[in-house]
Protein backbone atom coordinates (compact mmCIF):
# COMPACT_ATOMS: atom_id res chain seq x y z
CA MET A 1 11.20 8.62 -22.72
CA ILE A 2 12.29 7.55 -19.25
CA LEU A 3 10.17 8.85 -16.41
CA PRO A 4 11.75 9.96 -13.13
CA LYS A 5 11.65 7.68 -10.12
CA ILE A 6 8.61 8.33 -7.93
CA ASN A 7 9.17 8.54 -4.19
CA ILE A 8 6.10 7.64 -2.18
CA LYS A 9 6.15 8.80 1.43
CA PRO A 10 5.73 5.78 3.72
CA PHE A 11 2.40 5.53 5.53
CA SER A 12 2.52 5.18 9.31
CA GLY A 13 -1.18 5.14 10.14
CA ASP A 14 -2.28 8.78 10.31
CA PRO A 15 -5.80 8.77 8.84
CA LEU A 16 -5.24 12.31 7.54
CA GLU A 17 -2.40 11.02 5.34
CA TRP A 18 -4.18 7.89 4.07
CA GLN A 19 -5.85 9.39 0.99
CA THR A 20 -2.64 10.98 -0.29
CA PHE A 21 -0.66 7.80 0.35
CA TRP A 22 -3.26 5.60 -1.34
CA GLU A 23 -3.55 7.82 -4.42
CA CYS A 24 0.23 7.84 -4.90
CA PHE A 25 0.59 4.10 -4.20
CA SER A 26 -2.35 3.25 -6.43
CA ALA A 27 -1.06 5.30 -9.36
CA ALA A 28 2.49 3.96 -9.13
CA ILE A 29 1.99 0.38 -7.93
CA ASP A 30 -1.59 -0.88 -7.61
CA THR A 31 -2.65 -0.09 -11.19
CA ASN A 32 0.72 -1.08 -12.70
CA THR A 33 -0.05 -4.08 -14.91
CA ASN A 34 3.67 -4.91 -15.24
CA LEU A 35 3.82 -5.95 -11.57
CA SER A 36 2.60 -9.25 -10.16
CA VAL A 37 0.26 -9.24 -7.18
CA ILE A 38 3.07 -10.61 -5.00
CA GLU A 39 5.32 -7.72 -6.11
CA LYS A 40 2.53 -5.25 -5.26
CA MET A 41 2.14 -6.83 -1.81
CA THR A 42 5.90 -6.60 -1.30
CA TYR A 43 5.89 -2.91 -2.24
CA LEU A 44 2.92 -2.30 0.06
CA ASN A 45 4.67 -3.98 2.99
CA GLY A 46 7.75 -1.86 2.31
CA MET A 47 5.75 1.38 2.31
CA LEU A 48 4.06 0.86 5.68
CA GLU A 49 5.43 1.83 9.08
CA SER A 50 4.33 1.75 12.71
CA GLU A 51 0.58 1.25 13.22
CA ALA A 52 -0.11 0.73 9.51
CA ALA A 53 2.54 -2.01 9.27
CA ARG A 54 1.15 -3.72 12.37
CA ALA A 55 -2.36 -3.62 10.87
CA ILE A 56 -1.39 -6.14 8.16
CA SER A 57 1.58 -7.83 9.84
CA GLY A 58 -0.37 -11.07 10.32
CA LEU A 59 -1.07 -11.49 6.61
CA PRO A 60 1.35 -13.84 4.84
CA LEU A 61 2.81 -12.73 1.49
CA THR A 62 0.25 -14.33 -0.85
CA THR A 63 -1.74 -13.27 -3.89
CA GLU A 64 -5.02 -13.55 -1.98
CA ASN A 65 -3.80 -11.41 0.90
CA TYR A 66 -2.98 -8.34 -1.23
CA ALA A 67 -6.68 -7.52 -1.67
CA LYS A 68 -7.30 -8.32 2.00
CA ALA A 69 -4.49 -5.99 3.06
CA ILE A 70 -5.82 -3.13 0.93
CA LYS A 71 -9.34 -3.61 2.27
CA LEU A 72 -8.12 -3.76 5.86
CA LEU A 73 -6.06 -0.58 5.47
CA GLN A 74 -8.90 1.28 3.74
CA GLU A 75 -11.38 0.30 6.44
CA ARG A 76 -9.04 1.17 9.27
CA PHE A 77 -7.40 4.37 8.02
CA GLY A 78 -9.58 5.55 5.16
CA ARG A 79 -12.65 6.52 7.10
CA LYS A 80 -13.82 10.04 6.36
């Protein structure tokens, strides 16, 4: 069975949209064991726009920086 392609709406930095973005991204990308950490970081970079993209723009594309990027985004946009 082939599943349909999932379209995740890019995240631009609106804190009200963070939870929905993160749940979709996490389900499709973050928890996908078939993807390398570098691939996950690449997908994350591709899904961010505007303020959210600028928030992690200084992080080079490395395995270590994927977790840093997630933490930074959660701290900045995920506050309740």
